[in-house]
């Protein structure tokens, strides 16, 4: 299909950008929220890039927080 938008939704990109900014400000690596949410660090990274939809488990820090 020509003209199809292959980018993730703007909300995912915005949410991922905010997640990255807050992690950087708090000096928290990807491993910490990944471990707390029982995800891999690559999943958290793809959320930060806006490729994956941010889940509540990542946004609130998972069950350990």
C-alpha atoms as a PDB file:
ATOM      1  CA  UNK A   1       0.000   0.000   0.000  1.00  0.00           C
ATOM      2  CA  UNK A   2       1.645   3.244  -1.086  1.00  0.00           C
ATOM      3  CA  UNK A   3       1.660   6.222   1.257  1.00  0.00           C
ATOM      4  CA  UNK A   4       1.371   4.005   4.328  1.00  0.00           C
ATOM      5  CA  UNK A   5       2.915   5.464   7.488  1.00  0.00           C
ATOM      6  CA  UNK A   6       5.484   2.965   8.776  1.00  0.00           C
ATOM      7  CA  UNK A   7       6.303   4.928  11.926  1.00  0.00           C
ATOM      8  CA  UNK A   8       4.992   3.920  15.335  1.00  0.00           C
ATOM      9  CA  UNK A   9       2.137   6.055  16.670  1.00  0.00           C
ATOM     10  CA  UNK A  10       3.140   9.503  17.931  1.00  0.00           C
ATOM     11  CA  UNK A  11       1.901   8.630  21.427  1.00  0.00           C
ATOM     12  CA  UNK A  12       4.364   5.713  21.617  1.00  0.00           C
ATOM     13  CA  UNK A  13       7.223   7.948  20.506  1.00  0.00           C
ATOM     14  CA  UNK A  14       6.237  10.674  22.977  1.00  0.00           C
ATOM     15  CA  UNK A  15       5.844   8.192  25.840  1.00  0.00           C
ATOM     16  CA  UNK A  16       9.177   6.588  25.043  1.00  0.00           C
ATOM     17  CA  UNK A  17      10.899   9.954  24.908  1.00  0.00           C
ATOM     18  CA  UNK A  18       9.467  10.906  28.298  1.00  0.00           C
ATOM     19  CA  UNK A  19      10.520   7.560  29.756  1.00  0.00           C
ATOM     20  CA  UNK A  20      14.070   8.052  28.457  1.00  0.00           C
ATOM     21  CA  UNK A  21      14.264  11.613  29.794  1.00  0.00           C
ATOM     22  CA  UNK A  22      13.065  10.634  33.246  1.00  0.00           C
ATOM     23  CA  UNK A  23      15.441   7.671  33.416  1.00  0.00           C
ATOM     24  CA  UNK A  24      18.333   9.928  32.408  1.00  0.00           C
ATOM     25  CA  UNK A  25      17.376  12.599  34.942  1.00  0.00           C
ATOM     26  CA  UNK A  26      17.187   9.977  37.707  1.00  0.00           C
ATOM     27  CA  UNK A  27      20.442   8.373  36.482  1.00  0.00           C
ATOM     28  CA  UNK A  28      18.717   4.994  36.101  1.00  0.00           C
ATOM     29  CA  UNK A  29      19.920   2.448  33.548  1.00  0.00           C
ATOM     30  CA  UNK A  30      17.566   0.352  31.396  1.00  0.00           C
ATOM     31  CA  UNK A  31      18.353  -2.697  33.478  1.00  0.00           C
ATOM     32  CA  UNK A  32      16.598  -1.399  36.592  1.00  0.00           C
ATOM     33  CA  UNK A  33      13.109  -0.857  35.134  1.00  0.00           C
ATOM     34  CA  UNK A  34      13.565  -3.971  32.987  1.00  0.00           C
ATOM     35  CA  UNK A  35      14.285  -6.088  36.036  1.00  0.00           C
ATOM     36  CA  UNK A  36      11.443  -4.528  38.028  1.00  0.00           C
ATOM     37  CA  UNK A  37       8.952  -5.124  35.197  1.00  0.00           C
ATOM     38  CA  UNK A  38      10.359  -8.585  34.364  1.00  0.00           C
ATOM     39  CA  UNK A  39      11.314  -7.464  30.838  1.00  0.00           C
ATOM     40  CA  UNK A  40      14.616  -7.526  28.999  1.00  0.00           C
ATOM     41  CA  UNK A  41      16.665  -4.322  28.798  1.00  0.00           C
ATOM     42  CA  UNK A  42      16.127  -4.428  25.009  1.00  0.00           C
ATOM     43  CA  UNK A  43      12.358  -4.245  25.555  1.00  0.00           C
ATOM     44  CA  UNK A  44      12.829  -1.129  27.696  1.00  0.00           C
ATOM     45  CA  UNK A  45      15.168   0.292  25.033  1.00  0.00           C
ATOM     46  CA  UNK A  46      12.628  -0.258  22.267  1.00  0.00           C
ATOM     47  CA  UNK A  47       9.994   1.402  24.437  1.00  0.00           C
ATOM     48  CA  UNK A  48      12.355   4.362  24.868  1.00  0.00           C
ATOM     49  CA  UNK A  49      12.778   4.593  21.097  1.00  0.00           C
ATOM     50  CA  UNK A  50       9.008   4.559  20.653  1.00  0.00           C
ATOM     51  CA  UNK A  51       9.029   1.247  18.774  1.00  0.00           C
ATOM     52  CA  UNK A  52       6.954  -0.499  21.451  1.00  0.00           C
ATOM     53  CA  UNK A  53       3.929   0.792  23.315  1.00  0.00           C
ATOM     54  CA  UNK A  54       4.898   1.785  26.868  1.00  0.00           C
ATOM     55  CA  UNK A  55       3.252  -0.632  29.291  1.00  0.00           C
ATOM     56  CA  UNK A  56       2.140   0.233  32.798  1.00  0.00           C
ATOM     57  CA  UNK A  57       4.675  -2.288  34.176  1.00  0.00           C
ATOM     58  CA  UNK A  58       7.538  -0.263  32.708  1.00  0.00           C
ATOM     59  CA  UNK A  59       6.023   3.144  33.443  1.00  0.00           C
ATOM     60  CA  UNK A  60       5.406   2.475  37.145  1.00  0.00           C
ATOM     61  CA  UNK A  61       8.573   0.462  37.621  1.00  0.00           C
ATOM     62  CA  UNK A  62       7.111  -3.015  37.846  1.00  0.00           C
ATOM     63  CA  UNK A  63       5.998  -4.969  40.881  1.00  0.00           C
ATOM     64  CA  UNK A  64       9.286  -4.494  42.782  1.00  0.00           C
ATOM     65  CA  UNK A  65       8.900  -0.717  43.071  1.00  0.00           C
END
